[in-house]
């Protein structure tokens, strides 16, 4: 793009010099032609710059809206210190659900293709996590831990954790290993998305 603009400018200067030296219809046509090409190139660059700015502004606002629903630090802290230890709370699962609900909407998409691609991978992994929590995490029958009014801690199969039956213990162990694999995938993809956001948006 830079070399094309420089080439158009040099041609325009050459046509200008030719017109000044030989004021005739041929150099005039050459001057008008190169001037038009230079202006068209300049207009295209101006429009592209405005479009890129519009895309950046949209994506910045979109990112901020996601962060208002579920901040990155909160997500990673919950993954590493809560869910990895086989517990979470209803408040987090609700935030995760709202985050994923927004991601399903068209206005929730990023205009930058690289960011949207990276974000989609993170969302797919977060969906797997959300589905796993919904299927395998429960409020215990006894010793309920209340977080706030109407919200409680959830645990991975709380009734199987201390079971004396080998089959039930195996179920618990298998689900624990599956969950840790999902968490690793979520962290890897989410951190990759955040790094791209920081690189492209300087956030």
C-alpha atoms as a PDB file:
ATOM      1  CA  UNK A   1       0.000   0.000   0.000  1.00  0.00           C
ATOM      2  CA  UNK A   2       2.847   2.406   0.880  1.00  0.00           C
ATOM      3  CA  UNK A   3       4.747   1.709  -2.349  1.00  0.00           C
ATOM      4  CA  UNK A   4       1.591   2.110  -4.439  1.00  0.00           C
ATOM      5  CA  UNK A   5       0.907   5.510  -2.905  1.00  0.00           C
ATOM      6  CA  UNK A   6       4.542   6.558  -3.386  1.00  0.00           C
ATOM      7  CA  UNK A   7       4.418   5.405  -6.996  1.00  0.00           C
ATOM      8  CA  UNK A   8       1.228   7.418  -7.643  1.00  0.00           C
ATOM      9  CA  UNK A   9       2.813  10.491  -6.048  1.00  0.00           C
ATOM     10  CA  UNK A  10       5.973  10.236  -8.183  1.00  0.00           C
ATOM     11  CA  UNK A  11       3.898   9.815 -11.330  1.00  0.00           C
ATOM     12  CA  UNK A  12       1.801  12.831 -10.363  1.00  0.00           C
ATOM     13  CA  UNK A  13       4.919  14.929  -9.788  1.00  0.00           C
ATOM     14  CA  UNK A  14       6.306  13.799 -13.129  1.00  0.00           C
ATOM     15  CA  UNK A  15       3.063  14.700 -14.901  1.00  0.00           C
ATOM     16  CA  UNK A  16       3.038  18.092 -13.148  1.00  0.00           C
ATOM     17  CA  UNK A  17       6.587  18.835 -14.312  1.00  0.00           C
ATOM     18  CA  UNK A  18       5.692  17.729 -17.834  1.00  0.00           C
ATOM     19  CA  UNK A  19       2.603  19.973 -17.866  1.00  0.00           C
ATOM     20  CA  UNK A  20       4.564  22.980 -16.608  1.00  0.00           C
ATOM     21  CA  UNK A  21       7.298  22.421 -19.195  1.00  0.00           C
ATOM     22  CA  UNK A  22       4.957  21.583 -22.077  1.00  0.00           C
ATOM     23  CA  UNK A  23       1.450  22.995 -21.536  1.00  0.00           C
ATOM     24  CA  UNK A  24      -0.490  20.819 -23.983  1.00  0.00           C
ATOM     25  CA  UNK A  25      -3.472  18.455 -23.915  1.00  0.00           C
ATOM     26  CA  UNK A  26      -1.365  15.277 -23.565  1.00  0.00           C
ATOM     27  CA  UNK A  27       0.448  16.309 -20.361  1.00  0.00           C
ATOM     28  CA  UNK A  28      -2.864  17.753 -19.105  1.00  0.00           C
ATOM     29  CA  UNK A  29      -4.587  14.371 -19.555  1.00  0.00           C
ATOM     30  CA  UNK A  30      -1.645  12.625 -17.874  1.00  0.00           C
ATOM     31  CA  UNK A  31      -1.791  15.095 -14.977  1.00  0.00           C
ATOM     32  CA  UNK A  32      -5.556  14.632 -14.500  1.00  0.00           C
ATOM     33  CA  UNK A  33      -5.220  10.839 -14.693  1.00  0.00           C
ATOM     34  CA  UNK A  34      -2.418  10.604 -12.093  1.00  0.00           C
ATOM     35  CA  UNK A  35      -4.107  13.174  -9.841  1.00  0.00           C
ATOM     36  CA  UNK A  36      -7.309  11.112  -9.920  1.00  0.00           C
ATOM     37  CA  UNK A  37      -5.397   7.897  -9.122  1.00  0.00           C
ATOM     38  CA  UNK A  38      -3.629   9.615  -6.204  1.00  0.00           C
ATOM     39  CA  UNK A  39      -6.875  11.009  -4.772  1.00  0.00           C
ATOM     40  CA  UNK A  40      -8.725   7.701  -5.149  1.00  0.00           C
ATOM     41  CA  UNK A  41      -5.904   5.920  -3.311  1.00  0.00           C
ATOM     42  CA  UNK A  42      -6.013   8.531  -0.550  1.00  0.00           C
ATOM     43  CA  UNK A  43      -9.792   8.200  -0.168  1.00  0.00           C
ATOM     44  CA  UNK A  44      -9.523   4.405   0.020  1.00  0.00           C
ATOM     45  CA  UNK A  45      -6.914   4.642   2.785  1.00  0.00           C
ATOM     46  CA  UNK A  46      -9.056   7.151   4.675  1.00  0.00           C
ATOM     47  CA  UNK A  47     -12.111   4.889   4.494  1.00  0.00           C
ATOM     48  CA  UNK A  48     -10.092   1.861   5.545  1.00  0.00           C
ATOM     49  CA  UNK A  49      -8.654   3.738   8.522  1.00  0.00           C
ATOM     50  CA  UNK A  50     -12.152   4.788   9.605  1.00  0.00           C
ATOM     51  CA  UNK A  51     -13.432   1.222   9.170  1.00  0.00           C
ATOM     52  CA  UNK A  52     -10.569  -0.201  11.241  1.00  0.00           C
ATOM     53  CA  UNK A  53     -11.261   2.387  13.949  1.00  0.00           C
ATOM     54  CA  UNK A  54     -14.954   1.462  13.948  1.00  0.00           C
ATOM     55  CA  UNK A  55     -14.114  -2.248  14.217  1.00  0.00           C
ATOM     56  CA  UNK A  56     -11.695  -1.574  17.074  1.00  0.00           C
ATOM     57  CA  UNK A  57     -14.220   0.558  18.987  1.00  0.00           C
ATOM     58  CA  UNK A  58     -16.940  -2.079  18.597  1.00  0.00           C
ATOM     59  CA  UNK A  59     -14.665  -4.877  19.746  1.00  0.00           C
ATOM     60  CA  UNK A  60     -13.424  -2.881  22.727  1.00  0.00           C
ATOM     61  CA  UNK A  61     -16.981  -2.242  23.892  1.00  0.00           C
ATOM     62  CA  UNK A  62     -17.853  -5.884  23.293  1.00  0.00           C
ATOM     63  CA  UNK A  63     -14.895  -7.046  25.375  1.00  0.00           C
ATOM     64  CA  UNK A  64     -15.845  -4.672  28.215  1.00  0.00           C
ATOM     65  CA  UNK A  65     -19.405  -6.038  28.218  1.00  0.00           C
ATOM     66  CA  UNK A  66     -18.118  -9.604  28.545  1.00  0.00           C
ATOM     67  CA  UNK A  67     -15.819  -8.506  31.355  1.00  0.00           C
ATOM     68  CA  UNK A  68     -18.728  -6.887  33.190  1.00  0.00           C
ATOM     69  CA  UNK A  69     -20.532 -10.232  33.153  1.00  0.00           C
ATOM     70  CA  UNK A  70     -17.537 -12.330  34.169  1.00  0.00           C
ATOM     71  CA  UNK A  71     -14.092 -10.813  34.699  1.00  0.00           C
ATOM     72  CA  UNK A  72     -11.088 -12.755  33.502  1.00  0.00           C
ATOM     73  CA  UNK A  73      -9.418 -12.680  36.912  1.00  0.00           C
ATOM     74  CA  UNK A  74     -12.575 -14.038  38.553  1.00  0.00           C
ATOM     75  CA  UNK A  75     -12.886 -16.830  35.990  1.00  0.00           C
ATOM     76  CA  UNK A  76      -9.271 -17.951  36.319  1.00  0.00           C
ATOM     77  CA  UNK A  77      -9.382 -17.719  40.115  1.00  0.00           C
ATOM     78  CA  UNK A  78     -12.517 -19.858  40.246  1.00  0.00           C
ATOM     79  CA  UNK A  79     -11.033 -22.406  37.855  1.00  0.00           C
ATOM     80  CA  UNK A  80      -7.750 -22.722  39.753  1.00  0.00           C
ATOM     81  CA  UNK A  81      -8.958 -22.435  43.335  1.00  0.00           C
ATOM     82  CA  UNK A  82     -12.586 -23.495  43.258  1.00  0.00           C
ATOM     83  CA  UNK A  83     -13.599 -25.827  40.472  1.00  0.00           C
ATOM     84  CA  UNK A  84     -10.201 -27.521  40.333  1.00  0.00           C
ATOM     85  CA  UNK A  85     -10.824 -28.465  43.962  1.00  0.00           C
ATOM     86  CA  UNK A  86     -14.209 -29.865  42.916  1.00  0.00           C
ATOM     87  CA  UNK A  87     -16.453 -27.108  44.225  1.00  0.00           C
ATOM     88  CA  UNK A  88     -18.092 -23.918  42.962  1.00  0.00           C
ATOM     89  CA  UNK A  89     -21.084 -21.773  43.805  1.00  0.00           C
ATOM     90  CA  UNK A  90     -24.383 -20.993  42.138  1.00  0.00           C
ATOM     91  CA  UNK A  91     -23.426 -17.356  41.612  1.00  0.00           C
ATOM     92  CA  UNK A  92     -20.480 -18.308  39.401  1.00  0.00           C
ATOM     93  CA  UNK A  93     -22.540 -20.767  37.333  1.00  0.00           C
ATOM     94  CA  UNK A  94     -25.116 -18.018  36.694  1.00  0.00           C
ATOM     95  CA  UNK A  95     -22.396 -15.583  35.523  1.00  0.00           C
ATOM     96  CA  UNK A  96     -20.947 -18.260  33.269  1.00  0.00           C
ATOM     97  CA  UNK A  97     -24.394 -18.936  31.795  1.00  0.00           C
ATOM     98  CA  UNK A  98     -24.942 -15.204  31.064  1.00  0.00           C
ATOM     99  CA  UNK A  99     -21.478 -14.971  29.483  1.00  0.00           C
ATOM    100  CA  UNK A 100     -22.238 -17.893  27.170  1.00  0.00           C
ATOM    101  CA  UNK A 101     -25.715 -16.577  26.403  1.00  0.00           C
ATOM    102  CA  UNK A 102     -24.231 -13.301  25.146  1.00  0.00           C
ATOM    103  CA  UNK A 103     -21.669 -15.214  23.059  1.00  0.00           C
ATOM    104  CA  UNK A 104     -24.527 -16.929  21.193  1.00  0.00           C
ATOM    105  CA  UNK A 105     -25.951 -13.609  19.991  1.00  0.00           C
ATOM    106  CA  UNK A 106     -24.813 -11.874  16.796  1.00  0.00           C
ATOM    107  CA  UNK A 107     -24.063  -8.630  18.631  1.00  0.00           C
ATOM    108  CA  UNK A 108     -21.793 -10.630  20.911  1.00  0.00           C
ATOM    109  CA  UNK A 109     -19.416 -11.428  18.062  1.00  0.00           C
ATOM    110  CA  UNK A 110     -16.111  -9.635  17.525  1.00  0.00           C
ATOM    111  CA  UNK A 111     -15.555  -7.984  14.146  1.00  0.00           C
ATOM    112  CA  UNK A 112     -11.851  -8.786  14.166  1.00  0.00           C
ATOM    113  CA  UNK A 113     -11.633 -12.263  12.616  1.00  0.00           C
ATOM    114  CA  UNK A 114      -8.572 -13.358  14.593  1.00  0.00           C
ATOM    115  CA  UNK A 115     -10.128 -12.333  17.903  1.00  0.00           C
ATOM    116  CA  UNK A 116     -13.462 -13.959  17.052  1.00  0.00           C
ATOM    117  CA  UNK A 117     -11.735 -17.199  16.088  1.00  0.00           C
ATOM    118  CA  UNK A 118      -9.770 -17.303  19.349  1.00  0.00           C
ATOM    119  CA  UNK A 119     -12.845 -16.297  21.343  1.00  0.00           C
ATOM    120  CA  UNK A 120     -14.939 -19.059  19.725  1.00  0.00           C
ATOM    121  CA  UNK A 121     -12.449 -21.700  20.863  1.00  0.00           C
ATOM    122  CA  UNK A 122     -12.588 -20.338  24.429  1.00  0.00           C
ATOM    123  CA  UNK A 123     -16.399 -20.258  24.330  1.00  0.00           C
ATOM    124  CA  UNK A 124     -16.605 -23.870  23.140  1.00  0.00           C
ATOM    125  CA  UNK A 125     -14.430 -24.956  26.063  1.00  0.00           C
ATOM    126  CA  UNK A 126     -16.465 -22.852  28.496  1.00  0.00           C
ATOM    127  CA  UNK A 127     -19.621 -24.526  27.177  1.00  0.00           C
ATOM    128  CA  UNK A 128     -18.088 -27.913  27.951  1.00  0.00           C
ATOM    129  CA  UNK A 129     -17.318 -26.683  31.461  1.00  0.00           C
ATOM    130  CA  UNK A 130     -20.818 -25.289  31.962  1.00  0.00           C
ATOM    131  CA  UNK A 131     -22.379 -28.527  30.735  1.00  0.00           C
ATOM    132  CA  UNK A 132     -20.146 -30.567  33.042  1.00  0.00           C
ATOM    133  CA  UNK A 133     -21.066 -28.455  36.078  1.00  0.00           C
ATOM    134  CA  UNK A 134     -24.761 -28.781  35.293  1.00  0.00           C
ATOM    135  CA  UNK A 135     -24.537 -32.573  35.011  1.00  0.00           C
ATOM    136  CA  UNK A 136     -22.152 -33.500  37.802  1.00  0.00           C
ATOM    137  CA  UNK A 137     -22.189 -30.789  40.504  1.00  0.00           C
ATOM    138  CA  UNK A 138     -24.819 -30.806  43.235  1.00  0.00           C
ATOM    139  CA  UNK A 139     -25.763 -29.375  46.609  1.00  0.00           C
ATOM    140  CA  UNK A 140     -25.001 -32.047  49.238  1.00  0.00           C
ATOM    141  CA  UNK A 141     -27.879 -33.704  51.063  1.00  0.00           C
ATOM    142  CA  UNK A 142     -26.185 -32.894  54.363  1.00  0.00           C
ATOM    143  CA  UNK A 143     -23.882 -30.108  55.483  1.00  0.00           C
ATOM    144  CA  UNK A 144     -25.175 -27.547  52.981  1.00  0.00           C
ATOM    145  CA  UNK A 145     -22.847 -24.543  52.556  1.00  0.00           C
ATOM    146  CA  UNK A 146     -24.822 -21.361  52.015  1.00  0.00           C
ATOM    147  CA  UNK A 147     -23.050 -18.575  50.093  1.00  0.00           C
ATOM    148  CA  UNK A 148     -25.865 -16.025  50.162  1.00  0.00           C
ATOM    149  CA  UNK A 149     -29.643 -15.978  50.238  1.00  0.00           C
ATOM    150  CA  UNK A 150     -30.830 -18.739  47.907  1.00  0.00           C
ATOM    151  CA  UNK A 151     -27.319 -19.612  46.697  1.00  0.00           C
ATOM    152  CA  UNK A 152     -25.208 -22.540  47.861  1.00  0.00           C
ATOM    153  CA  UNK A 153     -21.902 -24.239  47.183  1.00  0.00           C
ATOM    154  CA  UNK A 154     -21.988 -27.051  44.661  1.00  0.00           C
ATOM    155  CA  UNK A 155     -19.733 -30.112  44.771  1.00  0.00           C
ATOM    156  CA  UNK A 156     -18.748 -32.888  42.406  1.00  0.00           C
ATOM    157  CA  UNK A 157     -20.995 -35.820  43.347  1.00  0.00           C
ATOM    158  CA  UNK A 158     -20.901 -35.037  47.089  1.00  0.00           C
ATOM    159  CA  UNK A 159     -22.587 -38.338  47.970  1.00  0.00           C
ATOM    160  CA  UNK A 160     -19.954 -40.364  46.097  1.00  0.00           C
ATOM    161  CA  UNK A 161     -16.864 -38.622  47.444  1.00  0.00           C
ATOM    162  CA  UNK A 162     -16.547 -40.724  50.583  1.00  0.00           C
ATOM    163  CA  UNK A 163     -18.382 -43.797  49.358  1.00  0.00           C
ATOM    164  CA  UNK A 164     -17.051 -47.195  50.402  1.00  0.00           C
ATOM    165  CA  UNK A 165     -18.287 -48.779  47.173  1.00  0.00           C
ATOM    166  CA  UNK A 166     -15.508 -49.210  44.569  1.00  0.00           C
ATOM    167  CA  UNK A 167     -17.848 -48.616  41.609  1.00  0.00           C
ATOM    168  CA  UNK A 168     -19.022 -45.285  43.004  1.00  0.00           C
ATOM    169  CA  UNK A 169     -15.485 -44.261  43.881  1.00  0.00           C
ATOM    170  CA  UNK A 170     -14.447 -45.020  40.296  1.00  0.00           C
ATOM    171  CA  UNK A 171     -17.244 -42.836  38.924  1.00  0.00           C
ATOM    172  CA  UNK A 172     -16.081 -40.013  41.156  1.00  0.00           C
ATOM    173  CA  UNK A 173     -12.436 -40.434  40.147  1.00  0.00           C
ATOM    174  CA  UNK A 174     -13.250 -40.624  36.429  1.00  0.00           C
ATOM    175  CA  UNK A 175     -15.320 -37.433  36.569  1.00  0.00           C
ATOM    176  CA  UNK A 176     -12.570 -35.679  38.553  1.00  0.00           C
ATOM    177  CA  UNK A 177     -10.009 -36.502  35.855  1.00  0.00           C
ATOM    178  CA  UNK A 178     -12.404 -35.415  33.111  1.00  0.00           C
ATOM    179  CA  UNK A 179     -13.051 -32.114  34.877  1.00  0.00           C
ATOM    180  CA  UNK A 180      -9.337 -31.366  35.250  1.00  0.00           C
ATOM    181  CA  UNK A 181      -8.851 -31.932  31.524  1.00  0.00           C
ATOM    182  CA  UNK A 182     -11.704 -29.542  30.732  1.00  0.00           C
ATOM    183  CA  UNK A 183     -10.257 -26.918  33.084  1.00  0.00           C
ATOM    184  CA  UNK A 184      -6.836 -27.142  31.403  1.00  0.00           C
ATOM    185  CA  UNK A 185      -8.468 -26.612  27.991  1.00  0.00           C
ATOM    186  CA  UNK A 186     -10.506 -23.651  29.241  1.00  0.00           C
ATOM    187  CA  UNK A 187      -7.494 -21.932  30.806  1.00  0.00           C
ATOM    188  CA  UNK A 188      -5.314 -22.457  27.741  1.00  0.00           C
ATOM    189  CA  UNK A 189      -7.897 -21.159  25.261  1.00  0.00           C
ATOM    190  CA  UNK A 190      -9.107 -18.291  27.454  1.00  0.00           C
ATOM    191  CA  UNK A 191      -5.589 -17.023  28.143  1.00  0.00           C
ATOM    192  CA  UNK A 192      -4.829 -17.201  24.413  1.00  0.00           C
ATOM    193  CA  UNK A 193      -7.929 -15.078  23.719  1.00  0.00           C
ATOM    194  CA  UNK A 194      -6.952 -12.538  26.388  1.00  0.00           C
ATOM    195  CA  UNK A 195      -3.398 -12.256  25.029  1.00  0.00           C
ATOM    196  CA  UNK A 196      -4.802 -11.486  21.572  1.00  0.00           C
ATOM    197  CA  UNK A 197      -7.131  -8.879  23.061  1.00  0.00           C
ATOM    198  CA  UNK A 198      -4.180  -7.217  24.814  1.00  0.00           C
ATOM    199  CA  UNK A 199      -2.059  -7.297  21.652  1.00  0.00           C
ATOM    200  CA  UNK A 200      -4.704  -5.853  19.317  1.00  0.00           C
ATOM    201  CA  UNK A 201      -6.576  -3.513  21.657  1.00  0.00           C
ATOM    202  CA  UNK A 202      -3.755  -2.569  24.051  1.00  0.00           C
ATOM    203  CA  UNK A 203      -6.053  -3.402  27.000  1.00  0.00           C
END
